[in-house]
Amino acid sequence: VEMVLGLPTDDVAELWELRITNLSGRARRVSVVPYFPIGYMSWMNQSAEWRADLGGIVASSVTPYQKVADHFKNLHLKDKTYFLCERAPDAWEARQSAFEGEGGLHNPSALQAEQLACGDARYETPAACVQYRLDLQPAQSQTYRFLFGPALDNAEIAQMRATYLSETGFSSAREAYAAYINSGGGCLRIRTPDADFDNFVNHWLPRQVFYHGDVNRLSTDPQTRNYLQDNLGMAYIAPAVTRRALLHALGQQAANGSMPDGILLIEGAELKYINQVPHTDHCVWLPVCLQAYLDETADFALLDVDVAGTTVAERIDRAMAWLQHDRDARGLSFIAQGDWCDPMNMVGYKGRGVS
């Protein structure tokens, strides 16, 4: 059994390729049963069924809400989950409890029968389970491809199938992803007597830096500190990304020089959770990020770039002036309700605590 997982560069989906080879030296009859748990989706409505027109199991749900306004917000959510098969299976099961039964996942009751029951899930926890019954001659192989992901509607599911669920689609996605990964290579390579250290510096470290700088922790409102730190690392991989991030962050600076608790990345994004708690350290990271970028690029022209009527240099000065002002009589910075020392959050909520 060989399994390969691929990821597209522009869409949210998993591309699974499964190859079954008979190595026993004799003819074999086997069942191949891919099982993808979808999980409890919603107490308001959840279901799943086999869709012959789409070629897979499609689970649907209604994201829970109680306020009328939230209903209309939720209309844009991808409340469908699909598991598409390139080759039609012999049987399927869409209800998790029917598949697991009394045996549980280590010995699913549905596998005690010769064939899955082709059941649906109605107001029940869904799952995506399909069955292929194979007659394999010695050394014979069979390859199966599956596409797993979220969707807004059936039209999007059909489009994803047309784009990816084929040998050509998988190959194109694999090549595009390899090119994407290669674009995040580091600015240096080392060779030392320590192979593990070489691997850490040459591969793991630039990949980790690239991941954070490229996706910003998968948030539309990353904390300002995190945003600047993560994009600082990009100075050594893709300096233009660091430059854009600095300008974007400074564009959200307040008139008094302070920085917001989070940076909004897209239209409609909102400051959520921790970004509604006042922190005081965000301005510190502006010169830290700027210094790394200038050391790497010598792009001092950045300092004269205009951001909403004020140059970068002037905005950095304002940030430092705000930090200097936001101190107690001893010259120590107020912590407010948090800074980079998160365990100390409660020391400053009365307006006296410092860090």
Foldseek 3Di string as FASTA:
>chain_A
DDWDWFDFPPDFKIKIKDKDWAAPQFKDKDKDKDKFFPWDQDLVWKKWAADVVLAWIKIADQHDDDDPVVNVVRLPPQRMKTKHKLDHFPAWEWAPCQQQPPPGPVDTPQVVDPGHPRYMTTSGRTMTMGMHIDTDGHGDMDMIMIMIDTGSDVVVSNVVCVQAVDPVNVVVRRVNVVVVQVLQFFLDADDDPDVVVRCCVGPVVSSVLCVCLVCVVVAQWHFLQSNLVSLLSCLGRPLVSLLVSLLQQLLQADPQLFGQRTGGRDPPDDQDDVSVADFGCNLVSSVVSVVSNCVSPVPPVQQQDDRPRDGNVVSNVSNVVVQQVQADPVSFHQGCQHYPVRVCRPQHVVPPGGD
